[in-house]
């Protein structure tokens, strides 16, 4: 509950039947690798000390980007 009970999800990015991400307000980011049966918090995998909102996650060619408020932008390598 500390990682999201009162924080809205703003986007979902589905890579495959098994793997997806949800992102949202106040640095909210979770990942599943089992089709949504369980979710792991990823907030400490992304350097976001101000806990800005994440608005969307999108693929562009081979690259995956996470974008948020105040020009926040991360690529896949910054999230691993």
N, C-alpha and C. Protein backbone atom coordinates (compact mmCIF):
# COMPACT_ATOMS: atom_id res chain seq x y z
N UNK A 1 0.81 -1.20 0.00
CA UNK A 1 0.00 0.00 0.00
C UNK A 1 0.85 1.25 0.00
N UNK A 2 2.05 1.20 0.60
CA UNK A 2 2.91 2.38 0.61
C UNK A 2 3.31 2.80 -0.79
N UNK A 3 3.33 1.86 -1.73
CA UNK A 3 3.78 2.16 -3.08
C UNK A 3 2.66 2.51 -4.05
N UNK A 4 1.44 2.70 -3.59
CA UNK A 4 0.47 3.08 -4.58
C UNK A 4 -0.99 3.11 -4.21
N UNK A 5 -1.38 2.81 -3.01
CA UNK A 5 -2.81 2.74 -2.69
C UNK A 5 -3.53 4.06 -2.90
N UNK A 6 -2.86 5.18 -2.70
CA UNK A 6 -3.51 6.48 -2.85
C UNK A 6 -2.98 7.25 -4.06
N UNK A 7 -2.26 6.58 -4.95
CA UNK A 7 -1.64 7.23 -6.11
C UNK A 7 -2.24 6.65 -7.39
N UNK A 8 -2.66 7.51 -8.32
CA UNK A 8 -3.29 7.00 -9.54
C UNK A 8 -2.27 6.45 -10.54
N UNK A 9 -2.67 5.38 -11.22
CA UNK A 9 -1.92 4.91 -12.38
C UNK A 9 -2.27 5.81 -13.55
N UNK A 10 -1.29 6.16 -14.37
CA UNK A 10 -1.53 7.05 -15.50
C UNK A 10 -1.30 6.38 -16.84
N UNK A 11 -0.59 5.25 -16.86
CA UNK A 11 -0.34 4.56 -18.12
C UNK A 11 0.03 3.11 -17.85
N UNK A 12 -0.24 2.27 -18.82
CA UNK A 12 0.21 0.88 -18.79
C UNK A 12 0.93 0.60 -20.10
N UNK A 13 2.04 -0.09 -20.03
CA UNK A 13 2.79 -0.47 -21.22
C UNK A 13 2.93 -1.99 -21.20
N UNK A 14 2.42 -2.65 -22.22
CA UNK A 14 2.45 -4.11 -22.29
C UNK A 14 3.46 -4.51 -23.36
N UNK A 15 4.50 -5.25 -22.93
CA UNK A 15 5.52 -5.74 -23.86
C UNK A 15 5.13 -7.09 -24.44
N UNK A 16 4.51 -7.92 -23.64
CA UNK A 16 4.14 -9.26 -24.07
C UNK A 16 3.00 -9.75 -23.17
N UNK A 17 2.55 -10.97 -23.41
CA UNK A 17 1.51 -11.54 -22.57
C UNK A 17 1.91 -11.63 -21.10
N UNK A 18 3.19 -11.77 -20.87
CA UNK A 18 3.71 -11.95 -19.51
C UNK A 18 4.27 -10.67 -18.90
N UNK A 19 4.85 -9.79 -19.69
CA UNK A 19 5.61 -8.64 -19.16
C UNK A 19 4.91 -7.31 -19.45
N UNK A 20 4.73 -6.50 -18.39
CA UNK A 20 4.11 -5.19 -18.53
C UNK A 20 4.59 -4.26 -17.42
N UNK A 21 4.38 -2.97 -17.63
CA UNK A 21 4.68 -1.94 -16.64
C UNK A 21 3.44 -1.09 -16.42
N UNK A 22 3.25 -0.58 -15.22
CA UNK A 22 2.28 0.48 -14.96
C UNK A 22 3.06 1.63 -14.32
N UNK A 23 2.70 2.85 -14.71
CA UNK A 23 3.37 4.04 -14.18
C UNK A 23 2.31 5.03 -13.73
N UNK A 24 2.73 5.96 -12.86
CA UNK A 24 1.75 6.93 -12.38
C UNK A 24 2.35 8.04 -11.56
N UNK A 25 1.51 8.60 -10.73
CA UNK A 25 1.85 9.77 -9.93
C UNK A 25 2.91 9.45 -8.87
N UNK A 26 3.69 10.45 -8.55
CA UNK A 26 4.66 10.39 -7.45
C UNK A 26 5.64 9.22 -7.57
N UNK A 27 6.24 9.09 -8.77
CA UNK A 27 7.30 8.09 -8.97
C UNK A 27 6.77 6.66 -8.97
N UNK A 28 5.49 6.48 -9.23
CA UNK A 28 4.87 5.16 -9.19
C UNK A 28 5.25 4.36 -10.45
N UNK A 29 5.88 3.22 -10.25
CA UNK A 29 6.20 2.33 -11.36
C UNK A 29 6.29 0.90 -10.83
N UNK A 30 5.57 0.00 -11.49
CA UNK A 30 5.57 -1.42 -11.15
C UNK A 30 5.78 -2.23 -12.42
N UNK A 31 6.33 -3.44 -12.28
CA UNK A 31 6.52 -4.33 -13.40
C UNK A 31 6.01 -5.72 -13.03
N UNK A 32 5.44 -6.39 -14.04
CA UNK A 32 5.05 -7.79 -13.88
C UNK A 32 5.77 -8.62 -14.94
N UNK A 33 6.12 -9.81 -14.59
CA UNK A 33 6.70 -10.75 -15.56
C UNK A 33 5.91 -12.05 -15.57
N UNK A 34 4.72 -12.03 -14.96
CA UNK A 34 3.89 -13.24 -14.92
C UNK A 34 2.45 -12.93 -15.33
N UNK A 35 2.29 -12.01 -16.24
CA UNK A 35 0.96 -11.69 -16.75
C UNK A 35 0.06 -10.97 -15.78
N UNK A 36 0.63 -10.32 -14.77
CA UNK A 36 -0.15 -9.53 -13.82
C UNK A 36 -0.51 -10.27 -12.54
N UNK A 37 -0.06 -11.51 -12.39
CA UNK A 37 -0.35 -12.24 -11.15
C UNK A 37 0.35 -11.61 -9.96
N UNK A 38 1.54 -11.06 -10.21
CA UNK A 38 2.27 -10.34 -9.16
C UNK A 38 2.96 -9.14 -9.80
N UNK A 39 3.17 -8.13 -9.00
CA UNK A 39 3.80 -6.88 -9.46
C UNK A 39 4.93 -6.51 -8.51
N UNK A 40 6.05 -6.08 -9.07
CA UNK A 40 7.20 -5.65 -8.28
C UNK A 40 7.38 -4.14 -8.43
N UNK A 41 7.59 -3.43 -7.33
CA UNK A 41 7.87 -1.99 -7.42
C UNK A 41 9.22 -1.76 -8.08
N UNK A 42 9.27 -0.75 -8.94
CA UNK A 42 10.51 -0.38 -9.63
C UNK A 42 10.92 1.05 -9.32
N UNK A 43 10.30 1.67 -8.37
CA UNK A 43 10.57 3.09 -8.10
C UNK A 43 12.02 3.36 -7.76
N UNK A 44 12.71 2.44 -7.13
CA UNK A 44 14.12 2.68 -6.79
C UNK A 44 15.07 2.27 -7.92
N UNK A 45 14.55 1.86 -9.06
CA UNK A 45 15.39 1.55 -10.23
C UNK A 45 15.52 2.75 -11.16
N UNK A 46 14.74 3.79 -10.88
CA UNK A 46 14.76 5.00 -11.70
C UNK A 46 15.13 6.17 -10.81
N UNK A 47 16.13 6.92 -11.22
CA UNK A 47 16.59 8.05 -10.41
C UNK A 47 15.62 9.22 -10.56
N UNK A 48 14.77 9.39 -9.57
CA UNK A 48 13.73 10.41 -9.57
C UNK A 48 13.57 10.95 -8.15
N UNK A 49 14.59 11.66 -7.64
CA UNK A 49 14.59 12.08 -6.24
C UNK A 49 13.44 13.01 -5.85
N UNK A 50 12.88 13.75 -6.79
CA UNK A 50 11.75 14.63 -6.48
C UNK A 50 10.42 13.89 -6.55
N UNK A 51 10.46 12.60 -6.90
CA UNK A 51 9.27 11.77 -7.05
C UNK A 51 8.23 12.42 -7.97
N UNK A 52 8.71 12.89 -9.13
CA UNK A 52 7.83 13.49 -10.12
C UNK A 52 6.93 12.41 -10.73
N UNK A 53 5.83 12.85 -11.32
CA UNK A 53 4.87 11.93 -11.93
C UNK A 53 5.44 11.33 -13.21
N UNK A 54 5.15 10.05 -13.44
CA UNK A 54 5.44 9.40 -14.71
C UNK A 54 4.13 9.38 -15.50
N UNK A 55 4.16 9.91 -16.73
CA UNK A 55 2.94 10.01 -17.53
C UNK A 55 2.77 8.87 -18.52
N UNK A 56 3.89 8.37 -19.07
CA UNK A 56 3.75 7.36 -20.12
C UNK A 56 5.03 6.58 -20.31
N UNK A 57 4.86 5.39 -20.85
CA UNK A 57 5.99 4.56 -21.26
C UNK A 57 5.67 4.12 -22.69
N UNK A 58 6.61 4.36 -23.62
CA UNK A 58 6.39 4.04 -25.02
C UNK A 58 7.65 3.51 -25.67
N UNK A 59 7.46 2.68 -26.66
CA UNK A 59 8.56 2.17 -27.47
C UNK A 59 8.67 3.03 -28.73
N UNK A 60 9.90 3.30 -29.12
CA UNK A 60 10.20 4.00 -30.37
C UNK A 60 11.32 3.20 -31.03
N UNK A 61 10.98 2.40 -32.03
CA UNK A 61 11.96 1.49 -32.63
C UNK A 61 12.38 0.45 -31.60
N UNK A 62 13.66 0.33 -31.36
CA UNK A 62 14.18 -0.61 -30.37
C UNK A 62 14.27 -0.01 -28.97
N UNK A 63 14.03 1.29 -28.85
CA UNK A 63 14.19 1.98 -27.57
C UNK A 63 12.86 2.08 -26.82
N UNK A 64 12.94 1.98 -25.49
CA UNK A 64 11.79 2.13 -24.62
C UNK A 64 12.02 3.37 -23.76
N UNK A 65 11.03 4.27 -23.70
CA UNK A 65 11.17 5.51 -22.96
C UNK A 65 10.09 5.64 -21.90
N UNK A 66 10.48 6.23 -20.78
CA UNK A 66 9.58 6.58 -19.68
C UNK A 66 9.63 8.09 -19.56
N UNK A 67 8.47 8.74 -19.66
CA UNK A 67 8.42 10.21 -19.62
C UNK A 67 7.50 10.68 -18.50
N UNK A 68 7.81 11.88 -18.00
CA UNK A 68 7.03 12.43 -16.91
C UNK A 68 7.06 13.93 -16.88
N UNK A 69 6.61 14.47 -15.76
CA UNK A 69 6.52 15.92 -15.63
C UNK A 69 7.90 16.57 -15.58
N UNK A 70 7.92 17.87 -15.87
CA UNK A 70 9.14 18.68 -15.87
C UNK A 70 10.21 18.10 -16.78
N UNK A 71 9.81 17.65 -17.96
CA UNK A 71 10.72 17.11 -18.99
C UNK A 71 11.46 15.85 -18.55
N UNK A 72 10.93 15.12 -17.61
CA UNK A 72 11.53 13.88 -17.14
C UNK A 72 11.51 12.85 -18.27
N UNK A 73 12.65 12.25 -18.58
CA UNK A 73 12.72 11.26 -19.64
C UNK A 73 13.85 10.27 -19.34
N UNK A 74 13.51 8.99 -19.35
CA UNK A 74 14.48 7.92 -19.14
C UNK A 74 14.37 6.94 -20.29
N UNK A 75 15.50 6.34 -20.65
CA UNK A 75 15.45 5.25 -21.63
C UNK A 75 15.61 3.92 -20.91
N UNK A 76 15.45 2.84 -21.61
CA UNK A 76 15.46 1.50 -21.01
C UNK A 76 16.71 1.25 -20.18
N UNK A 77 17.88 1.68 -20.67
CA UNK A 77 19.14 1.44 -19.95
C UNK A 77 19.13 2.11 -18.59
N UNK A 78 18.45 3.24 -18.47
CA UNK A 78 18.41 3.96 -17.20
C UNK A 78 17.43 3.30 -16.22
N UNK A 79 16.64 2.34 -16.72
CA UNK A 79 15.65 1.67 -15.87
C UNK A 79 16.06 0.26 -15.49
N UNK A 80 17.19 -0.20 -15.94
CA UNK A 80 17.63 -1.58 -15.66
C UNK A 80 18.48 -1.63 -14.42
